[in-house]
Amino acid sequence: MNDSAPTPDVAGGQAADELRGRLTRTEIQHAPSSIPGRDIVQVLTEIPVDVSSGWHHHPGEEVGYIVAGKVRMEREDATTQILNAGDGFLIPPGVPHNATDLGPDTGRMLSTYIVETGEPVATLER
């Protein structure tokens, strides 16, 4: 478990700057994985109504759970899904995707990332 207080904007680098103001990301914990060269990062993301995360990808798996709200999850490699509170989702490594909160309230997602050590958790698509 992370002994320090949660920190916002775990996307890292330029992606964090571009996502700031659109959504809030709070790192819950960040620790080395038992898989060599991988870290496990858990993040709570809050997306205001009608706001999108922006098309982005991760250097590893994203295993997520919708805590609150209704979210449209678009993936470059799959059919768009409408996810409600209580639904889980999985995004494979490197797959561009975009999450949009459909309202009526702020969407909240808890995501666990299994990412390459030293890489940013998220990178915006150009």
C-alpha atoms as a PDB file:
ATOM      1  CA  MET A   1       0.000   0.000   0.000  1.00  0.00           C
ATOM      2  CA  ASN A   2       1.160   3.532  -0.734  1.00  0.00           C
ATOM      3  CA  ASP A   3       2.186   5.267   2.507  1.00  0.00           C
ATOM      4  CA  SER A   4       1.954   8.738   1.026  1.00  0.00           C
ATOM      5  CA  ALA A   5      -1.171  10.740   0.343  1.00  0.00           C
ATOM      6  CA  PRO A   6      -2.890  10.152  -3.010  1.00  0.00           C
ATOM      7  CA  THR A   7      -1.541  12.337  -5.807  1.00  0.00           C
ATOM      8  CA  PRO A   8      -3.500  13.725  -8.755  1.00  0.00           C
ATOM      9  CA  ASP A   9      -2.555  13.486 -12.435  1.00  0.00           C
ATOM     10  CA  VAL A  10      -0.718  10.174 -12.556  1.00  0.00           C
ATOM     11  CA  ALA A  11      -0.768  10.172 -16.339  1.00  0.00           C
ATOM     12  CA  GLY A  12       2.742  11.602 -16.309  1.00  0.00           C
ATOM     13  CA  GLY A  13       4.523  14.043 -18.596  1.00  0.00           C
ATOM     14  CA  GLN A  14       2.691  15.926 -21.297  1.00  0.00           C
ATOM     15  CA  ALA A  15      -0.401  13.726 -21.083  1.00  0.00           C
ATOM     16  CA  ALA A  16      -0.990  14.815 -17.484  1.00  0.00           C
ATOM     17  CA  ASP A  17      -0.890  18.479 -18.549  1.00  0.00           C
ATOM     18  CA  GLU A  18      -3.322  17.884 -21.400  1.00  0.00           C
ATOM     19  CA  LEU A  19      -5.766  15.914 -19.239  1.00  0.00           C
ATOM     20  CA  ARG A  20      -5.693  18.428 -16.379  1.00  0.00           C
ATOM     21  CA  GLY A  21      -8.911  20.449 -16.352  1.00  0.00           C
ATOM     22  CA  ARG A  22     -10.850  17.728 -18.179  1.00  0.00           C
ATOM     23  CA  LEU A  23     -10.861  15.118 -15.453  1.00  0.00           C
ATOM     24  CA  THR A  24      -9.353  14.302 -12.067  1.00  0.00           C
ATOM     25  CA  ARG A  25      -7.052  11.328 -11.545  1.00  0.00           C
ATOM     26  CA  THR A  26      -6.049  10.371  -8.013  1.00  0.00           C
ATOM     27  CA  GLU A  27      -3.376   7.731  -7.548  1.00  0.00           C
ATOM     28  CA  ILE A  28      -4.472   5.364  -4.794  1.00  0.00           C
ATOM     29  CA  GLN A  29      -1.378   3.159  -4.821  1.00  0.00           C
ATOM     30  CA  HIS A  30       1.709   2.434  -6.916  1.00  0.00           C
ATOM     31  CA  ALA A  31       3.960  -0.563  -6.257  1.00  0.00           C
ATOM     32  CA  PRO A  32       6.264  -2.962  -8.067  1.00  0.00           C
ATOM     33  CA  SER A  33       4.527  -6.062  -9.430  1.00  0.00           C
ATOM     34  CA  SER A  34       5.659  -9.656  -8.987  1.00  0.00           C
ATOM     35  CA  ILE A  35       5.984  -9.575 -12.793  1.00  0.00           C
ATOM     36  CA  PRO A  36       9.524  -8.357 -13.570  1.00  0.00           C
ATOM     37  CA  GLY A  37       9.582  -4.948 -15.257  1.00  0.00           C
ATOM     38  CA  ARG A  38       5.978  -4.103 -14.332  1.00  0.00           C
ATOM     39  CA  ASP A  39       4.334  -1.829 -11.775  1.00  0.00           C
ATOM     40  CA  ILE A  40       0.785  -1.953 -10.470  1.00  0.00           C
ATOM     41  CA  VAL A  41      -0.898   1.442 -10.301  1.00  0.00           C
ATOM     42  CA  GLN A  42      -4.416   2.002  -8.989  1.00  0.00           C
ATOM     43  CA  VAL A  43      -6.203   5.218  -9.922  1.00  0.00           C
ATOM     44  CA  LEU A  44      -9.593   6.783  -9.217  1.00  0.00           C
ATOM     45  CA  THR A  45     -10.693   8.856 -12.222  1.00  0.00           C
ATOM     46  CA  GLU A  46     -13.551  11.349 -12.021  1.00  0.00           C
ATOM     47  CA  ILE A  47     -15.029  12.594 -15.294  1.00  0.00           C
ATOM     48  CA  PRO A  48     -17.575  15.435 -15.263  1.00  0.00           C
ATOM     49  CA  VAL A  49     -20.782  15.138 -17.314  1.00  0.00           C
ATOM     50  CA  ASP A  50     -20.240  15.357 -21.097  1.00  0.00           C
ATOM     51  CA  VAL A  51     -16.448  15.365 -20.679  1.00  0.00           C
ATOM     52  CA  SER A  52     -14.180  12.854 -22.419  1.00  0.00           C
ATOM     53  CA  SER A  53     -10.831  11.539 -21.279  1.00  0.00           C
ATOM     54  CA  GLY A  54      -9.416  12.053 -24.759  1.00  0.00           C
ATOM     55  CA  TRP A  55      -8.099   9.206 -26.900  1.00  0.00           C
ATOM     56  CA  HIS A  56      -5.165   7.674 -25.068  1.00  0.00           C
ATOM     57  CA  HIS A  57      -3.399   4.376 -24.406  1.00  0.00           C
ATOM     58  CA  HIS A  58      -1.489   2.654 -21.601  1.00  0.00           C
ATOM     59  CA  PRO A  59       1.795   0.688 -21.647  1.00  0.00           C
ATOM     60  CA  GLY A  60       0.026  -2.284 -20.070  1.00  0.00           C
ATOM     61  CA  GLU A  61      -3.383  -3.645 -19.108  1.00  0.00           C
ATOM     62  CA  GLU A  62      -6.132  -1.494 -17.596  1.00  0.00           C
ATOM     63  CA  VAL A  63      -8.595  -3.404 -15.425  1.00  0.00           C
ATOM     64  CA  GLY A  64     -11.417  -1.061 -14.481  1.00  0.00           C
ATOM     65  CA  TYR A  65     -14.662  -0.791 -12.568  1.00  0.00           C
ATOM     66  CA  ILE A  66     -17.337   1.896 -12.871  1.00  0.00           C
ATOM     67  CA  VAL A  67     -17.934   3.139  -9.321  1.00  0.00           C
ATOM     68  CA  ALA A  68     -20.577   5.736 -10.226  1.00  0.00           C
ATOM     69  CA  GLY A  69     -22.256   7.139 -13.304  1.00  0.00           C
ATOM     70  CA  LYS A  70     -22.722   6.067 -16.887  1.00  0.00           C
ATOM     71  CA  VAL A  71     -19.689   6.008 -19.198  1.00  0.00           C
ATOM     72  CA  ARG A  72     -19.343   5.469 -22.937  1.00  0.00           C
ATOM     73  CA  MET A  73     -16.126   3.509 -23.498  1.00  0.00           C
ATOM     74  CA  GLU A  74     -14.844   3.674 -27.070  1.00  0.00           C
ATOM     75  CA  ARG A  75     -11.984   1.398 -28.119  1.00  0.00           C
ATOM     76  CA  GLU A  76     -10.152   1.440 -31.425  1.00  0.00           C
ATOM     77  CA  ASP A  77     -10.181  -2.382 -31.544  1.00  0.00           C
ATOM     78  CA  ALA A  78     -13.733  -3.102 -30.329  1.00  0.00           C
ATOM     79  CA  THR A  79     -17.363  -2.074 -30.269  1.00  0.00           C
ATOM     80  CA  THR A  80     -18.278   0.931 -28.121  1.00  0.00           C
ATOM     81  CA  GLN A  81     -19.697  -0.036 -24.731  1.00  0.00           C
ATOM     82  CA  ILE A  82     -22.069   1.809 -22.412  1.00  0.00           C
ATOM     83  CA  LEU A  83     -20.942   1.057 -18.871  1.00  0.00           C
ATOM     84  CA  ASN A  84     -22.973   1.703 -15.723  1.00  0.00           C
ATOM     85  CA  ALA A  85     -22.038   1.703 -12.035  1.00  0.00           C
ATOM     86  CA  GLY A  86     -21.069  -1.851 -11.132  1.00  0.00           C
ATOM     87  CA  ASP A  87     -19.721  -2.751 -14.593  1.00  0.00           C
ATOM     88  CA  GLY A  88     -16.141  -3.808 -15.156  1.00  0.00           C
ATOM     89  CA  PHE A  89     -13.961  -3.364 -18.247  1.00  0.00           C
ATOM     90  CA  LEU A  90     -10.583  -4.436 -19.597  1.00  0.00           C
ATOM     91  CA  ILE A  91      -8.378  -2.487 -22.000  1.00  0.00           C
ATOM     92  CA  PRO A  92      -5.419  -4.385 -23.526  1.00  0.00           C
ATOM     93  CA  PRO A  93      -1.951  -2.768 -23.632  1.00  0.00           C
ATOM     94  CA  GLY A  94      -1.448  -0.061 -26.232  1.00  0.00           C
ATOM     95  CA  VAL A  95      -5.090   0.020 -27.395  1.00  0.00           C
ATOM     96  CA  PRO A  96      -6.335   3.591 -27.960  1.00  0.00           C
ATOM     97  CA  HIS A  97      -9.574   4.312 -26.099  1.00  0.00           C
ATOM     98  CA  ASN A  98     -11.733   7.195 -24.918  1.00  0.00           C
ATOM     99  CA  ALA A  99     -14.147   7.409 -21.968  1.00  0.00           C
ATOM    100  CA  THR A 100     -17.013   9.933 -21.897  1.00  0.00           C
ATOM    101  CA  ASP A 101     -19.303  10.526 -18.929  1.00  0.00           C
ATOM    102  CA  LEU A 102     -22.934  10.467 -20.084  1.00  0.00           C
ATOM    103  CA  GLY A 103     -24.378  11.943 -16.878  1.00  0.00           C
ATOM    104  CA  PRO A 104     -26.471  12.910 -15.154  1.00  0.00           C
ATOM    105  CA  ASP A 105     -23.694  12.964 -12.525  1.00  0.00           C
ATOM    106  CA  THR A 106     -19.908  12.807 -12.465  1.00  0.00           C
ATOM    107  CA  GLY A 107     -18.601   9.423 -13.565  1.00  0.00           C
ATOM    108  CA  ARG A 108     -16.131   7.671 -11.267  1.00  0.00           C
ATOM    109  CA  MET A 109     -13.895   4.805 -12.417  1.00  0.00           C
ATOM    110  CA  LEU A 110     -11.447   2.767 -10.373  1.00  0.00           C
ATOM    111  CA  SER A 111      -8.695   1.429 -12.627  1.00  0.00           C
ATOM    112  CA  THR A 112      -5.775  -0.831 -11.916  1.00  0.00           C
ATOM    113  CA  TYR A 113      -2.946  -0.646 -14.428  1.00  0.00           C
ATOM    114  CA  ILE A 114      -0.223  -3.257 -14.870  1.00  0.00           C
ATOM    115  CA  VAL A 115       2.310  -1.134 -16.716  1.00  0.00           C
ATOM    116  CA  GLU A 116       5.930  -1.134 -17.777  1.00  0.00           C
ATOM    117  CA  THR A 117       8.137   0.243 -15.004  1.00  0.00           C
ATOM    118  CA  GLY A 118       9.262   3.800 -15.703  1.00  0.00           C
ATOM    119  CA  GLU A 119       6.657   4.461 -18.409  1.00  0.00           C
ATOM    120  CA  PRO A 120       3.854   7.047 -18.030  1.00  0.00           C
ATOM    121  CA  VAL A 121       0.559   5.460 -17.015  1.00  0.00           C
ATOM    122  CA  ALA A 122      -1.251   7.160 -19.930  1.00  0.00           C
ATOM    123  CA  THR A 123      -0.225   8.755 -23.211  1.00  0.00           C
ATOM    124  CA  LEU A 124      -2.592  10.849 -25.321  1.00  0.00           C
ATOM    125  CA  GLU A 125      -2.976   9.885 -28.972  1.00  0.00           C
ATOM    126  CA  ARG A 126      -1.820  12.502 -31.449  1.00  0.00           C
END
